[in-house]
Amino acid sequence: MRKIIALLMFTILLTSCNDAYEKEELKAIEDVANDYLKTNDLILNPTKFFDDQIINKPNIDTLDIQIYFSDALLPISQVKEDNEWMFIDNNFKKASDSITFYSIVNSQKFKDLKFKEFEKSKLKLEKPYRQFKSSQTKFKSDEEYRILNFSRVCFDDKRENGIVVIEYLVGYESGTSSGYHNSLLITKKNGKWTYVRRK
């Protein structure tokens, strides 16, 4: 009887830990998606080609940019196997960030994280972005949309830092264009996840 109770308590504890991890993972994906988009999307951050060029940033209240998220989170260790270069030259500004990065890459948790589907409908995007759920959505020839794919998020033991792989693409009626595909070191500041900028 004691063994059954102990096993039941262990199962409840394990389920609770998994739920807490996945809840934090969802929040990290949401925060990092918003942080990455507002920092790197060319619509919000037009490229300056000349020193004296005047850039007029658009009013986000007039924009409506649609985002498609894959609900499949690939194991980050699998992504590393296929893209080893993402985890070799991390090029961070601070040595402490490099130490944190490699400690997470070399952790057992990094190896153990499995494939998972997540509830992308729970993601809350900041203006001017909104999510469309179906990959079969039709777009006009003059319309653009964004695609974001994420790996599993591997946190450190205190869940203060983590690593995630992001793939960012720009979509058109005729297909997609390459954007960005790399690992990101993320850190939690004042309850919000943000990615650490590289050099």
N, C-alpha and C. Protein backbone atom coordinates (compact mmCIF):
# COMPACT_ATOMS: atom_id res chain seq x y z
N MET A 1 0.82 -1.20 0.00
CA MET A 1 0.00 0.00 0.00
C MET A 1 0.86 1.26 0.00
N ARG A 2 1.94 1.23 0.82
CA ARG A 2 2.83 2.39 0.88
C ARG A 2 3.52 2.63 -0.46
N LYS A 3 3.87 1.54 -1.15
CA LYS A 3 4.51 1.66 -2.45
C LYS A 3 3.56 2.31 -3.47
N ILE A 4 2.29 1.94 -3.40
CA ILE A 4 1.29 2.50 -4.31
C ILE A 4 1.12 3.99 -4.06
N ILE A 5 1.04 4.37 -2.77
CA ILE A 5 0.90 5.79 -2.41
C ILE A 5 2.12 6.58 -2.86
N ALA A 6 3.32 5.99 -2.62
CA ALA A 6 4.56 6.66 -3.00
C ALA A 6 4.62 6.84 -4.52
N LEU A 7 4.20 5.81 -5.26
CA LEU A 7 4.20 5.88 -6.71
C LEU A 7 3.21 6.93 -7.21
N LEU A 8 2.04 6.99 -6.55
CA LEU A 8 1.02 7.97 -6.92
C LEU A 8 1.52 9.39 -6.66
N MET A 9 2.16 9.60 -5.51
CA MET A 9 2.70 10.92 -5.18
C MET A 9 3.79 11.34 -6.17
N PHE A 10 4.62 10.36 -6.56
CA PHE A 10 5.69 10.65 -7.52
C PHE A 10 5.11 11.04 -8.88
N THR A 11 4.06 10.33 -9.30
CA THR A 11 3.40 10.63 -10.57
C THR A 11 2.79 12.02 -10.57
N ILE A 12 2.13 12.37 -9.46
CA ILE A 12 1.52 13.70 -9.34
C ILE A 12 2.59 14.79 -9.38
N LEU A 13 3.70 14.56 -8.68
CA LEU A 13 4.80 15.53 -8.64
C LEU A 13 5.42 15.70 -10.02
N LEU A 14 5.62 14.58 -10.72
CA LEU A 14 6.22 14.62 -12.05
C LEU A 14 5.31 15.36 -13.03
N THR A 15 4.00 15.09 -12.96
CA THR A 15 3.04 15.76 -13.83
C THR A 15 3.01 17.25 -13.57
N SER A 16 3.07 17.62 -12.29
CA SER A 16 3.07 19.04 -11.90
C SER A 16 4.31 19.74 -12.43
N CYS A 17 5.47 19.07 -12.34
CA CYS A 17 6.73 19.65 -12.84
C CYS A 17 6.68 19.84 -14.35
N ASN A 18 6.15 18.83 -15.05
CA ASN A 18 6.04 18.91 -16.51
C ASN A 18 5.10 20.04 -16.93
N ASP A 19 3.99 20.17 -16.21
CA ASP A 19 3.02 21.24 -16.51
C ASP A 19 3.66 22.61 -16.32
N ALA A 20 4.43 22.76 -15.24
CA ALA A 20 5.08 24.04 -14.96
C ALA A 20 6.12 24.36 -16.03
N TYR A 21 6.85 23.32 -16.47
CA TYR A 21 7.86 23.52 -17.51
C TYR A 21 7.20 23.96 -18.81
N GLU A 22 6.14 23.27 -19.20
CA GLU A 22 5.48 23.58 -20.47
C GLU A 22 4.78 24.94 -20.43
N LYS A 23 4.30 25.34 -19.27
CA LYS A 23 3.70 26.67 -19.12
C LYS A 23 4.76 27.75 -19.31
N GLU A 24 5.94 27.54 -18.73
CA GLU A 24 7.04 28.50 -18.88
C GLU A 24 7.54 28.50 -20.33
N GLU A 25 7.54 27.34 -20.95
CA GLU A 25 7.97 27.23 -22.35
C GLU A 25 7.05 28.03 -23.27
N LEU A 26 5.75 27.93 -23.03
CA LEU A 26 4.78 28.69 -23.83
C LEU A 26 4.99 30.19 -23.65
N LYS A 27 5.23 30.62 -22.41
CA LYS A 27 5.46 32.05 -22.15
C LYS A 27 6.73 32.52 -22.82
N ALA A 28 7.77 31.69 -22.79
CA ALA A 28 9.04 32.06 -23.43
C ALA A 28 8.87 32.22 -24.93
N ILE A 29 8.15 31.31 -25.56
CA ILE A 29 7.91 31.40 -27.00
C ILE A 29 7.12 32.68 -27.33
N GLU A 30 6.11 32.96 -26.54
CA GLU A 30 5.30 34.17 -26.76
C GLU A 30 6.16 35.43 -26.63
N ASP A 31 6.91 35.53 -25.55
CA ASP A 31 7.73 36.72 -25.30
C ASP A 31 8.81 36.90 -26.37
N VAL A 32 9.49 35.80 -26.71
CA VAL A 32 10.59 35.87 -27.68
C VAL A 32 10.05 36.19 -29.08
N ALA A 33 8.89 35.63 -29.42
CA ALA A 33 8.28 35.95 -30.72
C ALA A 33 8.02 37.44 -30.83
N ASN A 34 7.42 38.02 -29.81
CA ASN A 34 7.13 39.45 -29.82
C ASN A 34 8.41 40.29 -29.85
N ASP A 35 9.40 39.88 -29.07
CA ASP A 35 10.67 40.60 -29.01
C ASP A 35 11.38 40.54 -30.36
N TYR A 36 11.41 39.36 -30.96
CA TYR A 36 12.11 39.20 -32.23
C TYR A 36 11.43 40.00 -33.34
N LEU A 37 10.11 39.91 -33.41
CA LEU A 37 9.38 40.58 -34.48
C LEU A 37 9.54 42.10 -34.41
N LYS A 38 9.37 42.67 -33.23
CA LYS A 38 9.42 44.13 -33.13
C LYS A 38 10.84 44.65 -33.36
N THR A 39 11.85 43.78 -33.20
CA THR A 39 13.24 44.19 -33.38
C THR A 39 13.73 43.98 -34.80
N ASN A 40 13.21 42.97 -35.49
CA ASN A 40 13.80 42.55 -36.76
C ASN A 40 12.89 42.62 -37.99
N ASP A 41 11.61 42.73 -37.79
CA ASP A 41 10.72 42.76 -38.95
C ASP A 41 10.98 44.02 -39.78
N LEU A 42 11.23 43.84 -41.06
CA LEU A 42 11.59 44.97 -41.92
C LEU A 42 10.46 45.99 -42.09
N ILE A 43 9.23 45.55 -41.90
CA ILE A 43 8.12 46.51 -42.00
C ILE A 43 8.21 47.53 -40.87
N LEU A 44 8.56 47.06 -39.68
CA LEU A 44 8.69 47.97 -38.53
C LEU A 44 10.06 48.62 -38.48
N ASN A 45 11.05 47.98 -39.10
CA ASN A 45 12.43 48.47 -39.04
C ASN A 45 13.01 48.52 -40.46
N PRO A 46 12.58 49.48 -41.28
CA PRO A 46 13.06 49.56 -42.67
C PRO A 46 14.58 49.70 -42.75
N THR A 47 15.17 49.07 -43.76
CA THR A 47 16.62 49.14 -43.95
C THR A 47 17.04 50.53 -44.44
N LYS A 48 18.10 51.04 -43.84
CA LYS A 48 18.65 52.33 -44.26
C LYS A 48 19.85 52.06 -45.18
N PHE A 49 19.72 52.44 -46.44
CA PHE A 49 20.76 52.15 -47.43
C PHE A 49 21.81 53.26 -47.54
N PHE A 50 21.44 54.48 -47.16
CA PHE A 50 22.36 55.62 -47.25
C PHE A 50 22.38 56.36 -45.92
N ASP A 51 23.53 56.95 -45.59
CA ASP A 51 23.67 57.65 -44.30
C ASP A 51 22.67 58.79 -44.14
N ASP A 52 22.41 59.50 -45.24
CA ASP A 52 21.52 60.65 -45.14
C ASP A 52 20.06 60.32 -45.48
N GLN A 53 19.80 59.02 -45.61
CA GLN A 53 18.44 58.60 -45.93
C GLN A 53 17.52 58.79 -44.73
N ILE A 54 16.36 59.35 -44.95
CA ILE A 54 15.38 59.55 -43.88
C ILE A 54 14.41 58.37 -43.87
N ILE A 55 14.35 57.70 -42.75
CA ILE A 55 13.47 56.54 -42.60
C ILE A 55 12.23 56.95 -41.81
N ASN A 56 11.09 56.76 -42.40
CA ASN A 56 9.83 57.02 -41.71
C ASN A 56 9.22 55.70 -41.25
N LYS A 57 9.25 55.49 -39.95
CA LYS A 57 8.69 54.25 -39.42
C LYS A 57 7.17 54.30 -39.47
N PRO A 58 6.55 53.20 -39.84
CA PRO A 58 5.09 53.19 -39.97
C PRO A 58 4.39 53.27 -38.62
N ASN A 59 3.17 53.73 -38.64
CA ASN A 59 2.32 53.75 -37.45
C ASN A 59 1.73 52.34 -37.28
N ILE A 60 2.06 51.69 -36.18
CA ILE A 60 1.62 50.30 -36.02
C ILE A 60 0.10 50.17 -35.94
N ASP A 61 -0.57 51.27 -35.59
CA ASP A 61 -2.03 51.22 -35.52
C ASP A 61 -2.67 51.08 -36.90
N THR A 62 -1.90 51.37 -37.94
CA THR A 62 -2.43 51.27 -39.30
C THR A 62 -2.05 49.95 -39.96
N LEU A 63 -1.27 49.12 -39.26
CA LEU A 63 -0.78 47.87 -39.84
C LEU A 63 -1.55 46.66 -39.31
N ASP A 64 -1.58 45.63 -40.12
CA ASP A 64 -2.19 44.36 -39.73
C ASP A 64 -1.36 43.25 -40.37
N ILE A 65 -0.38 42.75 -39.62
CA ILE A 65 0.55 41.76 -40.15
C ILE A 65 0.19 40.39 -39.58
N GLN A 66 -0.03 39.44 -40.46
CA GLN A 66 -0.46 38.12 -40.03
C GLN A 66 0.74 37.18 -39.85
N ILE A 67 0.64 36.36 -38.83
CA ILE A 67 1.71 35.42 -38.48
C ILE A 67 1.17 34.00 -38.46
N TYR A 68 1.96 33.09 -39.02
CA TYR A 68 1.61 31.67 -38.90
C TYR A 68 2.68 30.98 -38.05
N PHE A 69 2.23 30.28 -37.01
CA PHE A 69 3.12 29.49 -36.17
C PHE A 69 2.91 28.02 -36.45
N SER A 70 4.00 27.28 -36.59
CA SER A 70 3.88 25.83 -36.59
C SER A 70 3.62 25.39 -35.16
N ASP A 71 2.70 24.43 -34.96
CA ASP A 71 2.45 23.97 -33.59
C ASP A 71 3.39 22.83 -33.20
N ALA A 72 4.36 22.51 -34.06
CA ALA A 72 5.32 21.45 -33.79
C ALA A 72 6.62 22.03 -33.24
N LEU A 73 6.98 21.62 -32.04
CA LEU A 73 8.24 22.04 -31.43
C LEU A 73 9.23 20.88 -31.55
N LEU A 74 10.23 21.02 -32.41
CA LEU A 74 11.19 19.94 -32.62
C LEU A 74 12.15 19.83 -31.43
N PRO A 75 12.63 18.63 -31.15
CA PRO A 75 13.65 18.49 -30.09
C PRO A 75 14.87 19.33 -30.44
N ILE A 76 15.32 20.13 -29.52
CA ILE A 76 16.43 21.04 -29.82
C ILE A 76 17.72 20.27 -30.10
N SER A 77 17.88 19.11 -29.49
CA SER A 77 19.07 18.29 -29.75
C SER A 77 19.07 17.79 -31.19
N GLN A 78 17.90 17.51 -31.73
CA GLN A 78 17.78 17.07 -33.12
C GLN A 78 18.14 18.21 -34.08
N VAL A 79 17.67 19.42 -33.74
CA VAL A 79 18.02 20.59 -34.55
C VAL A 79 19.54 20.78 -34.54
N LYS A 80 20.16 20.56 -33.39
CA LYS A 80 21.62 20.70 -33.28
C LYS A 80 22.34 19.68 -34.15
N GLU A 81 21.83 18.45 -34.19
CA GLU A 81 22.45 17.42 -35.02
C GLU A 81 22.47 17.83 -36.49
N ASP A 82 21.38 18.47 -36.94
CA ASP A 82 21.26 18.86 -38.34
C ASP A 82 21.90 20.21 -38.64
N ASN A 83 22.12 21.01 -37.60
CA ASN A 83 22.64 22.37 -37.78
C ASN A 83 23.68 22.68 -36.70
N GLU A 84 24.75 21.92 -36.71
CA GLU A 84 25.78 22.05 -35.67
C GLU A 84 26.34 23.47 -35.59
N TRP A 85 26.39 24.16 -36.72
CA TRP A 85 26.98 25.50 -36.77
C TRP A 85 26.26 26.49 -35.87
N MET A 86 24.97 26.25 -35.60
CA MET A 86 24.21 27.17 -34.75
C MET A 86 24.70 27.18 -33.31
N PHE A 87 25.44 26.15 -32.93
CA PHE A 87 25.80 25.98 -31.52
C PHE A 87 27.32 26.04 -31.31
N ILE A 88 28.05 26.46 -32.34
CA ILE A 88 29.51 26.54 -32.22
C ILE A 88 29.95 27.99 -32.04
N ASP A 89 29.65 28.84 -33.01
CA ASP A 89 30.06 30.25 -32.96
C ASP A 89 28.88 31.10 -32.47
N ASN A 90 28.80 31.28 -31.15
CA ASN A 90 27.63 31.99 -30.63
C ASN A 90 27.80 33.51 -30.66
N ASN A 91 29.04 34.01 -30.68
CA ASN A 91 29.32 35.43 -30.96
C ASN A 91 28.57 36.40 -30.04
N PHE A 92 28.52 36.09 -28.75
CA PHE A 92 27.87 36.99 -27.81
C PHE A 92 28.83 38.10 -27.37
N LYS A 93 28.25 39.19 -26.92
CA LYS A 93 29.05 40.34 -26.51
C LYS A 93 29.76 40.11 -25.18
N LYS A 94 29.12 39.35 -24.29
CA LYS A 94 29.68 39.12 -22.96
C LYS A 94 30.11 37.66 -22.80
N ALA A 95 31.25 37.45 -22.17
CA ALA A 95 31.76 36.10 -21.95
C ALA A 95 30.80 35.29 -21.09
N SER A 96 30.14 35.94 -20.15
CA SER A 96 29.21 35.24 -19.26
C SER A 96 28.04 34.64 -20.04
N ASP A 97 27.64 35.31 -21.12
CA ASP A 97 26.56 34.78 -21.95
C ASP A 97 27.01 33.51 -22.68
N SER A 98 28.26 33.51 -23.12
CA SER A 98 28.81 32.32 -23.78
C SER A 98 28.87 31.13 -22.82
N ILE A 99 29.26 31.41 -21.58
CA ILE A 99 29.33 30.35 -20.57
C ILE A 99 27.94 29.78 -20.31
N THR A 100 26.96 30.66 -20.18
CA THR A 100 25.57 30.22 -19.97
C THR A 100 25.08 29.40 -21.14
N PHE A 101 25.37 29.88 -22.35
CA PHE A 101 24.94 29.21 -23.58
C PHE A 101 25.47 27.77 -23.61
N TYR A 102 26.76 27.61 -23.42
CA TYR A 102 27.36 26.28 -23.53
C TYR A 102 26.96 25.36 -22.37
N SER A 103 26.72 25.93 -21.20
CA SER A 103 26.29 25.09 -20.08
C SER A 103 24.91 24.49 -20.34
N ILE A 104 24.05 25.25 -21.02
CA ILE A 104 22.72 24.73 -21.35
C ILE A 104 22.83 23.69 -22.47
N VAL A 105 23.65 23.98 -23.49
CA VAL A 105 23.83 23.04 -24.61
C VAL A 105 24.35 21.69 -24.10
N ASN A 106 25.20 21.74 -23.10
CA ASN A 106 25.82 20.51 -22.59
C ASN A 106 25.03 19.85 -21.46
N SER A 107 23.85 20.37 -21.15
CA SER A 107 23.05 19.82 -20.06
C SER A 107 22.29 18.57 -20.50
N GLN A 108 21.89 17.78 -19.52
CA GLN A 108 21.11 16.57 -19.81
C GLN A 108 19.73 16.93 -20.33
N LYS A 109 19.17 18.00 -19.82
CA LYS A 109 17.84 18.44 -20.27
C LYS A 109 17.84 18.72 -21.76
N PHE A 110 18.93 19.30 -22.28
CA PHE A 110 19.05 19.59 -23.71
C PHE A 110 18.90 18.31 -24.53
N LYS A 111 19.47 17.24 -24.03
CA LYS A 111 19.41 15.95 -24.74
C LYS A 111 18.06 15.27 -24.58
N ASP A 112 17.38 15.52 -23.46
CA ASP A 112 16.17 14.77 -23.12
C ASP A 112 14.88 15.33 -23.72
N LEU A 113 14.84 16.61 -24.08
CA LEU A 113 13.60 17.22 -24.56
C LEU A 113 13.12 16.54 -25.85
N LYS A 114 11.86 16.13 -25.85
CA LYS A 114 11.28 15.40 -26.98
C LYS A 114 10.39 16.31 -27.83
N PHE A 115 9.97 15.79 -28.97
CA PHE A 115 9.03 16.48 -29.84
C PHE A 115 7.74 16.77 -29.06
N LYS A 116 7.16 17.92 -29.33
CA LYS A 116 5.93 18.29 -28.64
C LYS A 116 5.10 19.23 -29.52
N GLU A 117 3.80 19.04 -29.49
CA GLU A 117 2.90 20.01 -30.10
C GLU A 117 2.42 20.94 -28.98
N PHE A 118 2.38 22.25 -29.27
CA PHE A 118 1.97 23.18 -28.23
C PHE A 118 0.72 23.92 -28.69
N GLU A 119 0.04 24.54 -27.73
CA GLU A 119 -1.22 25.22 -28.00
C GLU A 119 -0.94 26.64 -28.49
N LYS A 120 -0.68 26.75 -29.79
CA LYS A 120 -0.32 28.05 -30.35
C LYS A 120 -1.45 29.06 -30.26
N SER A 121 -2.68 28.58 -30.12
CA SER A 121 -3.82 29.49 -30.01
C SER A 121 -3.75 30.34 -28.74
N LYS A 122 -2.95 29.90 -27.76
CA LYS A 122 -2.82 30.66 -26.51
C LYS A 122 -1.80 31.80 -26.60
N LEU A 123 -1.05 31.86 -27.70
CA LEU A 123 -0.05 32.92 -27.85
C LEU A 123 -0.73 34.27 -28.04
N LYS A 124 -0.24 35.26 -27.32
CA LYS A 124 -0.76 36.62 -27.44
C LYS A 124 0.30 37.49 -28.11
N LEU A 125 -0.04 38.00 -29.29
CA LEU A 125 0.90 38.81 -30.05
C LEU A 125 0.61 40.29 -29.86
N GLU A 126 1.68 41.08 -29.85
CA GLU A 126 1.54 42.53 -29.72
C GLU A 126 1.24 43.15 -31.08
N LYS A 127 0.61 44.31 -31.05
CA LYS A 127 0.36 45.04 -32.30
C LYS A 127 1.66 45.29 -33.04
N PRO A 128 1.65 45.18 -34.37
CA PRO A 128 0.52 45.04 -35.30
C PRO A 128 0.31 43.61 -35.78
N TYR A 129 0.71 42.64 -34.95
CA TYR A 129 0.67 41.25 -35.39
C TYR A 129 -0.58 40.52 -34.90
N ARG A 130 -1.07 39.62 -35.72
CA ARG A 130 -2.13 38.72 -35.31
C ARG A 130 -1.91 37.37 -35.97
N GLN A 131 -2.33 36.36 -35.29
CA GLN A 131 -2.07 35.00 -35.75
C GLN A 131 -3.20 34.48 -36.63
N PHE A 132 -2.82 33.80 -37.71
CA PHE A 132 -3.82 33.03 -38.45
C PHE A 132 -3.49 31.56 -38.27
N LYS A 133 -4.52 30.76 -38.10
CA LYS A 133 -4.32 29.39 -37.61
C LYS A 133 -4.09 28.35 -38.71
N SER A 134 -4.65 28.58 -39.90
CA SER A 134 -4.60 27.55 -40.94
C SER A 134 -3.53 27.84 -41.98
N SER A 135 -2.73 26.81 -42.29
CA SER A 135 -1.71 26.96 -43.33
C SER A 135 -2.34 27.01 -44.72
N GLN A 136 -3.65 26.76 -44.81
CA GLN A 136 -4.35 26.80 -46.09
C GLN A 136 -4.95 28.18 -46.39
N THR A 137 -4.68 29.16 -45.52
CA THR A 137 -5.20 30.51 -45.73
C THR A 137 -4.69 31.07 -47.07
N LYS A 138 -5.58 31.68 -47.84
CA LYS A 138 -5.22 32.24 -49.14
C LYS A 138 -4.85 33.71 -49.00
N PHE A 139 -3.80 34.12 -49.72
CA PHE A 139 -3.36 35.52 -49.70
C PHE A 139 -3.37 36.09 -51.11
N LYS A 140 -3.54 37.40 -51.19
CA LYS A 140 -3.52 38.08 -52.48
C LYS A 140 -2.07 38.32 -52.91
N SER A 141 -1.89 38.66 -54.16
CA SER A 141 -0.54 38.81 -54.72
C SER A 141 0.25 39.94 -54.05
N ASP A 142 -0.44 40.94 -53.51
CA ASP A 142 0.25 42.07 -52.88
C ASP A 142 0.32 41.95 -51.36
N GLU A 143 -0.03 40.80 -50.82
CA GLU A 143 -0.03 40.61 -49.37
C GLU A 143 1.21 39.82 -48.92
N GLU A 144 1.68 40.18 -47.73
CA GLU A 144 2.77 39.45 -47.08
C GLU A 144 2.27 38.89 -45.76
N TYR A 145 2.92 37.84 -45.31
CA TYR A 145 2.67 37.33 -43.97
C TYR A 145 3.99 36.83 -43.40
N ARG A 146 3.99 36.45 -42.16
CA ARG A 146 5.19 35.97 -41.51
C ARG A 146 4.99 34.53 -41.02
N ILE A 147 6.09 33.78 -41.00
CA ILE A 147 6.07 32.42 -40.47
C ILE A 147 7.11 32.33 -39.37
N LEU A 148 6.73 31.79 -38.23
CA LEU A 148 7.67 31.56 -37.14
C LEU A 148 7.60 30.10 -36.70
N ASN A 149 8.75 29.45 -36.70
CA ASN A 149 8.86 28.08 -36.20
C ASN A 149 9.84 28.07 -35.03
N PHE A 150 9.52 27.30 -34.01
CA PHE A 150 10.37 27.20 -32.83
C PHE A 150 10.73 25.75 -32.53
N SER A 151 11.87 25.57 -31.90
CA SER A 151 12.22 24.27 -31.32
C SER A 151 11.68 24.21 -29.89
N ARG A 152 11.91 23.10 -29.22
CA ARG A 152 11.68 23.08 -27.78
C ARG A 152 12.61 24.09 -27.12
N VAL A 153 12.17 24.64 -26.01
CA VAL A 153 12.99 25.58 -25.26
C VAL A 153 13.69 24.82 -24.14
N CYS A 154 15.01 24.93 -24.10
CA CYS A 154 15.76 24.28 -23.03
C CYS A 154 16.17 25.34 -22.01
N PHE A 155 15.66 25.21 -20.79
CA PHE A 155 15.97 26.15 -19.71
C PHE A 155 17.12 25.64 -18.85
N ASP A 156 17.75 26.56 -18.14
CA ASP A 156 18.69 26.14 -17.10
C ASP A 156 17.88 25.71 -15.87
N ASP A 157 18.57 25.23 -14.84
CA ASP A 157 17.87 24.67 -13.68
C ASP A 157 16.96 25.68 -12.99
N LYS A 158 17.35 26.94 -12.96
CA LYS A 158 16.55 27.96 -12.28
C LYS A 158 15.51 28.60 -13.21
N ARG A 159 15.52 28.21 -14.47
CA ARG A 159 14.62 28.79 -15.48
C ARG A 159 14.76 30.31 -15.56
N GLU A 160 16.01 30.73 -15.50
CA GLU A 160 16.33 32.14 -15.66
C GLU A 160 16.92 32.42 -17.04
N ASN A 161 17.44 31.37 -17.68
CA ASN A 161 18.02 31.45 -19.01
C ASN A 161 17.58 30.24 -19.81
N GLY A 162 17.71 30.33 -21.12
CA GLY A 162 17.34 29.20 -21.95
C GLY A 162 17.89 29.35 -23.35
N ILE A 163 17.71 28.30 -24.15
CA ILE A 163 18.09 28.34 -25.56
C ILE A 163 16.91 27.83 -26.38
N VAL A 164 16.62 28.51 -27.48
CA VAL A 164 15.58 28.06 -28.40
C VAL A 164 16.08 28.34 -29.81
N VAL A 165 15.67 27.52 -30.76
CA VAL A 165 15.99 27.78 -32.17
C VAL A 165 14.75 28.37 -32.83
N ILE A 166 14.94 29.47 -33.54
CA ILE A 166 13.85 30.15 -34.21
C ILE A 166 14.09 30.14 -35.72
N GLU A 167 13.02 29.97 -36.47
CA GLU A 167 13.07 30.12 -37.92
C GLU A 167 12.02 31.15 -38.31
N TYR A 168 12.48 32.22 -38.96
CA TYR A 168 11.62 33.35 -39.35
C TYR A 168 11.62 33.45 -40.87
N LEU A 169 10.44 33.43 -41.46
CA LEU A 169 10.30 33.51 -42.91
C LEU A 169 9.26 34.56 -43.27
N VAL A 170 9.41 35.12 -44.46
CA VAL A 170 8.41 36.04 -45.01
C VAL A 170 7.66 35.29 -46.10
N GLY A 171 6.32 35.31 -46.01
CA GLY A 171 5.51 34.57 -46.96
C GLY A 171 4.78 35.47 -47.93
N TYR A 172 4.58 34.94 -49.14
CA TYR A 172 3.85 35.63 -50.19
C TYR A 172 2.84 34.65 -50.80
N GLU A 173 2.04 35.13 -51.70
CA GLU A 173 1.09 34.26 -52.39
C GLU A 173 1.82 33.13 -53.11
N SER A 174 3.00 33.43 -53.67
CA SER A 174 3.73 32.47 -54.49
C SER A 174 4.71 31.60 -53.71
N GLY A 175 4.93 31.89 -52.44
CA GLY A 175 5.88 31.09 -51.67
C GLY A 175 6.48 31.89 -50.52
N THR A 176 7.68 31.48 -50.08
CA THR A 176 8.33 32.16 -48.95
C THR A 176 9.75 32.56 -49.33
N SER A 177 10.27 33.55 -48.63
CA SER A 177 11.67 33.94 -48.80
C SER A 177 12.40 33.70 -47.50
N SER A 178 13.69 33.43 -47.61
CA SER A 178 14.47 33.13 -46.43
C SER A 178 14.56 34.34 -45.52
N GLY A 179 14.64 34.09 -44.23
CA GLY A 179 14.73 35.17 -43.27
C GLY A 179 15.86 34.92 -42.29
N TYR A 180 15.56 34.20 -41.22
CA TYR A 180 16.55 33.97 -40.16
C TYR A 180 16.31 32.60 -39.56
N HIS A 181 17.38 31.87 -39.35
CA HIS A 181 17.28 30.54 -38.73
C HIS A 181 18.52 30.32 -37.88
N ASN A 182 18.35 30.38 -36.56
CA ASN A 182 19.50 30.25 -35.68
C ASN A 182 19.05 29.99 -34.25
N SER A 183 20.01 29.64 -33.41
CA SER A 183 19.73 29.47 -31.98
C SER A 183 19.73 30.83 -31.31
N LEU A 184 18.92 30.97 -30.27
CA LEU A 184 18.88 32.20 -29.49
C LEU A 184 19.09 31.86 -28.02
N LEU A 185 19.97 32.60 -27.38
CA LEU A 185 20.07 32.55 -25.93
C LEU A 185 19.01 33.50 -25.39
N ILE A 186 18.18 33.02 -24.49
CA ILE A 186 17.12 33.87 -23.94
C ILE A 186 17.31 34.01 -22.44
N THR A 187 16.84 35.12 -21.91
CA THR A 187 16.97 35.37 -20.47
C THR A 187 15.70 36.04 -19.96
N LYS A 188 15.39 35.79 -18.72
CA LYS A 188 14.17 36.33 -18.12
C LYS A 188 14.51 37.55 -17.28
N LYS A 189 13.90 38.70 -17.65
CA LYS A 189 14.11 39.94 -16.93
C LYS A 189 12.77 40.54 -16.56
N ASN A 190 12.61 40.79 -15.27
CA ASN A 190 11.35 41.37 -14.77
C ASN A 190 10.13 40.58 -15.24
N GLY A 191 10.26 39.27 -15.20
CA GLY A 191 9.13 38.40 -15.53
C GLY A 191 8.88 38.21 -17.01
N LYS A 192 9.76 38.75 -17.87
CA LYS A 192 9.56 38.66 -19.31
C LYS A 192 10.82 38.10 -19.97
N TRP A 193 10.59 37.20 -20.97
CA TRP A 193 11.70 36.60 -21.70
C TRP A 193 12.11 37.49 -22.87
N THR A 194 13.43 37.64 -23.05
CA THR A 194 13.96 38.39 -24.17
C THR A 194 15.19 37.64 -24.69
N TYR A 195 15.52 37.84 -25.96
CA TYR A 195 16.69 37.14 -26.48
C TYR A 195 17.93 38.03 -26.37
N VAL A 196 19.08 37.39 -26.14
CA VAL A 196 20.34 38.10 -25.97
C VAL A 196 20.90 38.44 -27.35
N ARG A 197 21.16 39.72 -27.57
CA ARG A 197 21.67 40.17 -28.87
C ARG A 197 23.10 39.71 -29.06
N ARG A 198 23.41 39.35 -30.31
CA ARG A 198 24.77 39.00 -30.67
C ARG A 198 25.51 40.22 -31.22
N LYS A 199 26.80 40.06 -31.43
CA LYS A 199 27.61 41.17 -31.96
C LYS A 199 27.17 41.50 -33.38
